[in-house]
Amino acid sequence: AALVLGGVTELRLYHGTSAAVDVAATLGI
């Protein structure tokens, strides 16, 4: 955390699910 927060070079948003199934996501942001 300390190293990354000092110079963020990329930011990502991931999705997943707690269920044991694949995800089909349609996400509004």
PDB file of all heavy atoms in Angstrom:
ATOM      1  N   ALA A   1       0.813  -1.221   0.000  1.00  0.00           N
ATOM      2  CA  ALA A   1       0.000   0.000   0.000  1.00  0.00           C
ATOM      3  C   ALA A   1       0.846   1.270   0.000  1.00  0.00           C
ATOM      4  O   ALA A   1       0.620   2.175  -0.810  1.00  0.00           O
ATOM      5  CB  ALA A   1      -0.942  -0.008   1.204  1.00  0.00           C
ATOM      6  N   ALA A   2       1.817   1.364   0.920  1.00  0.00           N
ATOM      7  CA  ALA A   2       2.604   2.593   1.046  1.00  0.00           C
ATOM      8  C   ALA A   2       3.357   2.902  -0.243  1.00  0.00           C
ATOM      9  O   ALA A   2       3.399   4.043  -0.700  1.00  0.00           O
ATOM     10  CB  ALA A   2       3.569   2.476   2.219  1.00  0.00           C
ATOM     11  N   LEU A   3       3.956   1.877  -0.844  1.00  0.00           N
ATOM     12  CA  LEU A   3       4.719   2.069  -2.074  1.00  0.00           C
ATOM     13  C   LEU A   3       3.819   2.493  -3.223  1.00  0.00           C
ATOM     14  O   LEU A   3       4.110   3.438  -3.958  1.00  0.00           O
ATOM     15  CB  LEU A   3       5.446   0.766  -2.438  1.00  0.00           C
ATOM     16  CG  LEU A   3       6.243   0.768  -3.749  1.00  0.00           C
ATOM     17  CD1 LEU A   3       7.320   1.832  -3.719  1.00  0.00           C
ATOM     18  CD2 LEU A   3       6.849  -0.610  -4.007  1.00  0.00           C
ATOM     19  N   VAL A   4       2.696   1.822  -3.364  1.00  0.00           N
ATOM     20  CA  VAL A   4       1.788   2.092  -4.480  1.00  0.00           C
ATOM     21  C   VAL A   4       1.168   3.481  -4.367  1.00  0.00           C
ATOM     22  O   VAL A   4       1.115   4.233  -5.345  1.00  0.00           O
ATOM     23  CB  VAL A   4       0.688   1.014  -4.548  1.00  0.00           C
ATOM     24  CG1 VAL A   4      -0.373   1.389  -5.577  1.00  0.00           C
ATOM     25  CG2 VAL A   4       1.298  -0.333  -4.896  1.00  0.00           C
ATOM     26  N   LEU A   5       0.702   3.847  -3.170  1.00  0.00           N
ATOM     27  CA  LEU A   5       0.037   5.133  -2.994  1.00  0.00           C
ATOM     28  C   LEU A   5       0.978   6.306  -3.248  1.00  0.00           C
ATOM     29  O   LEU A   5       0.539   7.410  -3.557  1.00  0.00           O
ATOM     30  CB  LEU A   5      -0.549   5.231  -1.581  1.00  0.00           C
ATOM     31  CG  LEU A   5      -1.727   4.299  -1.301  1.00  0.00           C
ATOM     32  CD1 LEU A   5      -2.100   4.350   0.178  1.00  0.00           C
ATOM     33  CD2 LEU A   5      -2.931   4.638  -2.167  1.00  0.00           C
ATOM     34  N   GLY A   6       2.278   6.068  -3.145  1.00  0.00           N
ATOM     35  CA  GLY A   6       3.254   7.122  -3.401  1.00  0.00           C
ATOM     36  C   GLY A   6       3.462   7.425  -4.874  1.00  0.00           C
ATOM     37  O   GLY A   6       4.121   8.406  -5.218  1.00  0.00           O
ATOM     38  N   GLY A   7       2.899   6.607  -5.758  1.00  0.00           N
ATOM     39  CA  GLY A   7       3.058   6.855  -7.193  1.00  0.00           C
ATOM     40  C   GLY A   7       2.228   5.900  -8.018  1.00  0.00           C
ATOM     41  O   GLY A   7       2.744   4.967  -8.636  1.00  0.00           O
ATOM     42  N   VAL A   8       0.905   6.111  -8.033  1.00  0.00           N
ATOM     43  CA  VAL A   8      -0.001   5.220  -8.759  1.00  0.00           C
ATOM     44  C   VAL A   8       0.197   5.387 -10.262  1.00  0.00           C
ATOM     45  O   VAL A   8       0.148   6.496 -10.788  1.00  0.00           O
ATOM     46  CB  VAL A   8      -1.469   5.511  -8.379  1.00  0.00           C
ATOM     47  CG1 VAL A   8      -2.427   4.666  -9.218  1.00  0.00           C
ATOM     48  CG2 VAL A   8      -1.687   5.251  -6.891  1.00  0.00           C
ATOM     49  N   THR A   9       0.460   4.283 -10.944  1.00  0.00           N
ATOM     50  CA  THR A   9       0.670   4.319 -12.396  1.00  0.00           C
ATOM     51  C   THR A   9      -0.488   3.689 -13.169  1.00  0.00           C
ATOM     52  O   THR A   9      -0.560   3.806 -14.387  1.00  0.00           O
ATOM     53  CB  THR A   9       1.965   3.577 -12.773  1.00  0.00           C
ATOM     54  OG1 THR A   9       1.892   2.217 -12.296  1.00  0.00           O
ATOM     55  CG2 THR A   9       3.179   4.256 -12.148  1.00  0.00           C
ATOM     56  N   GLU A  10      -1.370   3.004 -12.467  1.00  0.00           N
ATOM     57  CA  GLU A  10      -2.532   2.411 -13.122  1.00  0.00           C
ATOM     58  C   GLU A  10      -3.602   2.125 -12.077  1.00  0.00           C
ATOM     59  O   GLU A  10      -3.302   1.742 -10.951  1.00  0.00           O
ATOM     60  CB  GLU A  10      -2.158   1.118 -13.848  1.00  0.00           C
ATOM     61  CG  GLU A  10      -3.247   0.583 -14.757  1.00  0.00           C
ATOM     62  CD  GLU A  10      -2.760  -0.582 -15.613  1.00  0.00           C
ATOM     63  OE1 GLU A  10      -1.842  -0.377 -16.423  1.00  0.00           O
ATOM     64  OE2 GLU A  10      -3.329  -1.680 -15.463  1.00  0.00           O
ATOM     65  N   LEU A  11      -4.837   2.328 -12.463  1.00  0.00           N
ATOM     66  CA  LEU A  11      -5.972   2.141 -11.579  1.00  0.00           C
ATOM     67  C   LEU A  11      -6.966   1.225 -12.270  1.00  0.00           C
ATOM     68  O   LEU A  11      -7.290   1.432 -13.439  1.00  0.00           O
ATOM     69  CB  LEU A  11      -6.616   3.501 -11.292  1.00  0.00           C
ATOM     70  CG  LEU A  11      -7.796   3.563 -10.338  1.00  0.00           C
ATOM     71  CD1 LEU A  11      -7.362   3.225  -8.921  1.00  0.00           C
ATOM     72  CD2 LEU A  11      -8.413   4.956 -10.376  1.00  0.00           C
ATOM     73  N   ARG A  12      -7.426   0.189 -11.565  1.00  0.00           N
ATOM     74  CA  ARG A  12      -8.346  -0.757 -12.175  1.00  0.00           C
ATOM     75  C   ARG A  12      -9.533  -1.027 -11.264  1.00  0.00           C
ATOM     76  O   ARG A  12      -9.411  -1.012 -10.050  1.00  0.00           O
ATOM     77  CB  ARG A  12      -7.651  -2.096 -12.457  1.00  0.00           C
ATOM     78  CG  ARG A  12      -6.518  -2.025 -13.460  1.00  0.00           C
ATOM     79  CD  ARG A  12      -5.940  -3.393 -13.720  1.00  0.00           C
ATOM     80  NE  ARG A  12      -4.857  -3.348 -14.714  1.00  0.00           N
ATOM     81  CZ  ARG A  12      -4.217  -4.423 -15.153  1.00  0.00           C
ATOM     82  NH1 ARG A  12      -4.521  -5.615 -14.679  1.00  0.00           N
ATOM     83  NH2 ARG A  12      -3.270  -4.288 -16.056  1.00  0.00           N
ATOM     84  N   LEU A  13     -10.673  -1.296 -11.861  1.00  0.00           N
ATOM     85  CA  LEU A  13     -11.856  -1.731 -11.129  1.00  0.00           C
ATOM     86  C   LEU A  13     -12.202  -3.134 -11.599  1.00  0.00           C
ATOM     87  O   LEU A  13     -12.406  -3.361 -12.795  1.00  0.00           O
ATOM     88  CB  LEU A  13     -13.030  -0.778 -11.394  1.00  0.00           C
ATOM     89  CG  LEU A  13     -14.349  -1.132 -10.702  1.00  0.00           C
ATOM     90  CD1 LEU A  13     -14.208  -1.021  -9.187  1.00  0.00           C
ATOM     91  CD2 LEU A  13     -15.471  -0.219 -11.183  1.00  0.00           C
ATOM     92  N   TYR A  14     -12.225  -4.080 -10.648  1.00  0.00           N
ATOM     93  CA  TYR A  14     -12.520  -5.465 -10.967  1.00  0.00           C
ATOM     94  C   TYR A  14     -13.893  -5.854 -10.448  1.00  0.00           C
ATOM     95  O   TYR A  14     -14.388  -5.283  -9.480  1.00  0.00           O
ATOM     96  CB  TYR A  14     -11.495  -6.396 -10.316  1.00  0.00           C
ATOM     97  CG  TYR A  14     -10.164  -6.459 -11.026  1.00  0.00           C
ATOM     98  CD1 TYR A  14      -9.120  -5.617 -10.659  1.00  0.00           C
ATOM     99  CD2 TYR A  14      -9.948  -7.378 -12.044  1.00  0.00           C
ATOM    100  CE1 TYR A  14      -7.887  -5.689 -11.291  1.00  0.00           C
ATOM    101  CE2 TYR A  14      -8.712  -7.457 -12.680  1.00  0.00           C
ATOM    102  CZ  TYR A  14      -7.696  -6.612 -12.304  1.00  0.00           C
ATOM    103  OH  TYR A  14      -6.482  -6.681 -12.934  1.00  0.00           O
ATOM    104  N   HIS A  15     -14.483  -6.873 -11.070  1.00  0.00           N
ATOM    105  CA  HIS A  15     -15.707  -7.443 -10.539  1.00  0.00           C
ATOM    106  C   HIS A  15     -15.529  -8.939 -10.379  1.00  0.00           C
ATOM    107  O   HIS A  15     -14.711  -9.573 -11.036  1.00  0.00           O
ATOM    108  CB  HIS A  15     -16.906  -7.159 -11.452  1.00  0.00           C
ATOM    109  CG  HIS A  15     -16.953  -8.011 -12.682  1.00  0.00           C
ATOM    110  ND1 HIS A  15     -17.387  -9.318 -12.671  1.00  0.00           N
ATOM    111  CD2 HIS A  15     -16.617  -7.745 -13.969  1.00  0.00           C
ATOM    112  CE1 HIS A  15     -17.333  -9.814 -13.893  1.00  0.00           C
ATOM    113  NE2 HIS A  15     -16.862  -8.886 -14.705  1.00  0.00           N
ATOM    114  N   GLY A  16     -16.312  -9.516  -9.502  1.00  0.00           N
ATOM    115  CA  GLY A  16     -16.345 -10.958  -9.323  1.00  0.00           C
ATOM    116  C   GLY A  16     -17.669 -11.305  -8.678  1.00  0.00           C
ATOM    117  O   GLY A  16     -18.564 -10.474  -8.574  1.00  0.00           O
ATOM    118  N   THR A  17     -17.797 -12.528  -8.236  1.00  0.00           N
ATOM    119  CA  THR A  17     -18.995 -12.930  -7.526  1.00  0.00           C
ATOM    120  C   THR A  17     -18.613 -13.956  -6.474  1.00  0.00           C
ATOM    121  O   THR A  17     -17.634 -14.685  -6.630  1.00  0.00           O
ATOM    122  CB  THR A  17     -20.054 -13.525  -8.467  1.00  0.00           C
ATOM    123  OG1 THR A  17     -21.158 -13.986  -7.699  1.00  0.00           O
ATOM    124  CG2 THR A  17     -19.503 -14.677  -9.273  1.00  0.00           C
ATOM    125  N   SER A  18     -19.358 -13.994  -5.393  1.00  0.00           N
ATOM    126  CA  SER A  18     -19.089 -14.972  -4.341  1.00  0.00           C
ATOM    127  C   SER A  18     -19.593 -16.355  -4.733  1.00  0.00           C
ATOM    128  O   SER A  18     -19.164 -17.359  -4.166  1.00  0.00           O
ATOM    129  CB  SER A  18     -19.769 -14.525  -3.041  1.00  0.00           C
ATOM    130  OG  SER A  18     -19.273 -13.272  -2.631  1.00  0.00           O
ATOM    131  N   ALA A  19     -20.500 -16.428  -5.680  1.00  0.00           N
ATOM    132  CA  ALA A  19     -21.035 -17.713  -6.117  1.00  0.00           C
ATOM    133  C   ALA A  19     -20.045 -18.431  -7.031  1.00  0.00           C
ATOM    134  O   ALA A  19     -19.228 -17.797  -7.695  1.00  0.00           O
ATOM    135  CB  ALA A  19     -22.360 -17.497  -6.846  1.00  0.00           C
ATOM    136  N   ALA A  20     -20.113 -19.736  -7.042  1.00  0.00           N
ATOM    137  CA  ALA A  20     -19.187 -20.531  -7.853  1.00  0.00           C
ATOM    138  C   ALA A  20     -19.691 -20.634  -9.290  1.00  0.00           C
ATOM    139  O   ALA A  20     -19.857 -21.722  -9.848  1.00  0.00           O
ATOM    140  CB  ALA A  20     -19.030 -21.917  -7.247  1.00  0.00           C
ATOM    141  N   VAL A  21     -19.951 -19.501  -9.878  1.00  0.00           N
ATOM    142  CA  VAL A  21     -20.402 -19.440 -11.267  1.00  0.00           C
ATOM    143  C   VAL A  21     -19.675 -18.298 -11.950  1.00  0.00           C
ATOM    144  O   VAL A  21     -19.212 -17.352 -11.315  1.00  0.00           O
ATOM    145  CB  VAL A  21     -21.923 -19.213 -11.369  1.00  0.00           C
ATOM    146  CG1 VAL A  21     -22.691 -20.405 -10.813  1.00  0.00           C
ATOM    147  CG2 VAL A  21     -22.331 -17.946 -10.630  1.00  0.00           C
ATOM    148  N   ASP A  22     -19.570 -18.390 -13.272  1.00  0.00           N
ATOM    149  CA  ASP A  22     -18.961 -17.300 -14.016  1.00  0.00           C
ATOM    150  C   ASP A  22     -19.874 -16.074 -13.972  1.00  0.00           C
ATOM    151  O   ASP A  22     -21.074 -16.170 -13.742  1.00  0.00           O
ATOM    152  CB  ASP A  22     -18.721 -17.713 -15.475  1.00  0.00           C
ATOM    153  CG  ASP A  22     -17.574 -18.695 -15.600  1.00  0.00           C
ATOM    154  OD1 ASP A  22     -16.883 -18.902 -14.582  1.00  0.00           O
ATOM    155  OD2 ASP A  22     -17.378 -19.237 -16.687  1.00  0.00           O
ATOM    156  N   VAL A  23     -19.265 -14.928 -14.220  1.00  0.00           N
ATOM    157  CA  VAL A  23     -19.983 -13.666 -14.122  1.00  0.00           C
ATOM    158  C   VAL A  23     -20.293 -13.126 -15.509  1.00  0.00           C
ATOM    159  O   VAL A  23     -19.456 -13.180 -16.402  1.00  0.00           O
ATOM    160  CB  VAL A  23     -19.126 -12.631 -13.359  1.00  0.00           C
ATOM    161  CG1 VAL A  23     -19.836 -11.286 -13.308  1.00  0.00           C
ATOM    162  CG2 VAL A  23     -18.842 -13.129 -11.959  1.00  0.00           C
ATOM    163  N   ALA A  24     -21.482 -12.607 -15.677  1.00  0.00           N
ATOM    164  CA  ALA A  24     -21.819 -11.808 -16.851  1.00  0.00           C
ATOM    165  C   ALA A  24     -22.215 -10.444 -16.310  1.00  0.00           C
ATOM    166  O   ALA A  24     -23.292 -10.292 -15.745  1.00  0.00           O
ATOM    167  CB  ALA A  24     -22.944 -12.447 -17.648  1.00  0.00           C
ATOM    168  N   ALA A  25     -21.338  -9.474 -16.441  1.00  0.00           N
ATOM    169  CA  ALA A  25     -21.541  -8.178 -15.785  1.00  0.00           C
ATOM    170  C   ALA A  25     -21.899  -7.097 -16.791  1.00  0.00           C
ATOM    171  O   ALA A  25     -21.324  -7.022 -17.874  1.00  0.00           O
ATOM    172  CB  ALA A  25     -20.279  -7.768 -15.032  1.00  0.00           C
ATOM    173  N   THR A  26     -22.856  -6.299 -16.415  1.00  0.00           N
ATOM    174  CA  THR A  26     -23.163  -5.059 -17.124  1.00  0.00           C
ATOM    175  C   THR A  26     -23.233  -3.987 -16.053  1.00  0.00           C
ATOM    176  O   THR A  26     -24.180  -3.949 -15.268  1.00  0.00           O
ATOM    177  CB  THR A  26     -24.494  -5.154 -17.877  1.00  0.00           C
ATOM    178  OG1 THR A  26     -24.434  -6.255 -18.794  1.00  0.00           O
ATOM    179  CG2 THR A  26     -24.758  -3.877 -18.660  1.00  0.00           C
ATOM    180  N   LEU A  27     -22.231  -3.146 -16.013  1.00  0.00           N
ATOM    181  CA  LEU A  27     -22.049  -2.223 -14.895  1.00  0.00           C
ATOM    182  C   LEU A  27     -22.087  -0.780 -15.374  1.00  0.00           C
ATOM    183  O   LEU A  27     -21.322  -0.382 -16.257  1.00  0.00           O
ATOM    184  CB  LEU A  27     -20.712  -2.502 -14.208  1.00  0.00           C
ATOM    185  CG  LEU A  27     -20.407  -1.690 -12.952  1.00  0.00           C
ATOM    186  CD1 LEU A  27     -21.354  -2.065 -11.825  1.00  0.00           C
ATOM    187  CD2 LEU A  27     -18.950  -1.902 -12.528  1.00  0.00           C
ATOM    188  N   GLY A  28     -22.988   0.000 -14.801  1.00  0.00           N
ATOM    189  CA  GLY A  28     -23.014   1.430 -15.054  1.00  0.00           C
ATOM    190  C   GLY A  28     -22.129   2.137 -14.037  1.00  0.00           C
ATOM    191  O   GLY A  28     -22.154   1.799 -12.860  1.00  0.00           O
ATOM    192  N   ILE A  29     -21.345   3.107 -14.494  1.00  0.00           N
ATOM    193  CA  ILE A  29     -20.409   3.827 -13.629  1.00  0.00           C
ATOM    194  C   ILE A  29     -20.533   5.318 -13.914  1.00  0.00           C
ATOM    195  O   ILE A  29     -20.516   5.744 -15.069  1.00  0.00           O
ATOM    196  CB  ILE A  29     -18.955   3.371 -13.885  1.00  0.00           C
ATOM    197  CG1 ILE A  29     -18.841   1.850 -13.818  1.00  0.00           C
ATOM    198  CG2 ILE A  29     -17.993   4.024 -12.880  1.00  0.00           C
ATOM    199  CD1 ILE A  29     -17.517   1.301 -14.330  1.00  0.00           C
TER     200      ILE A  29
END
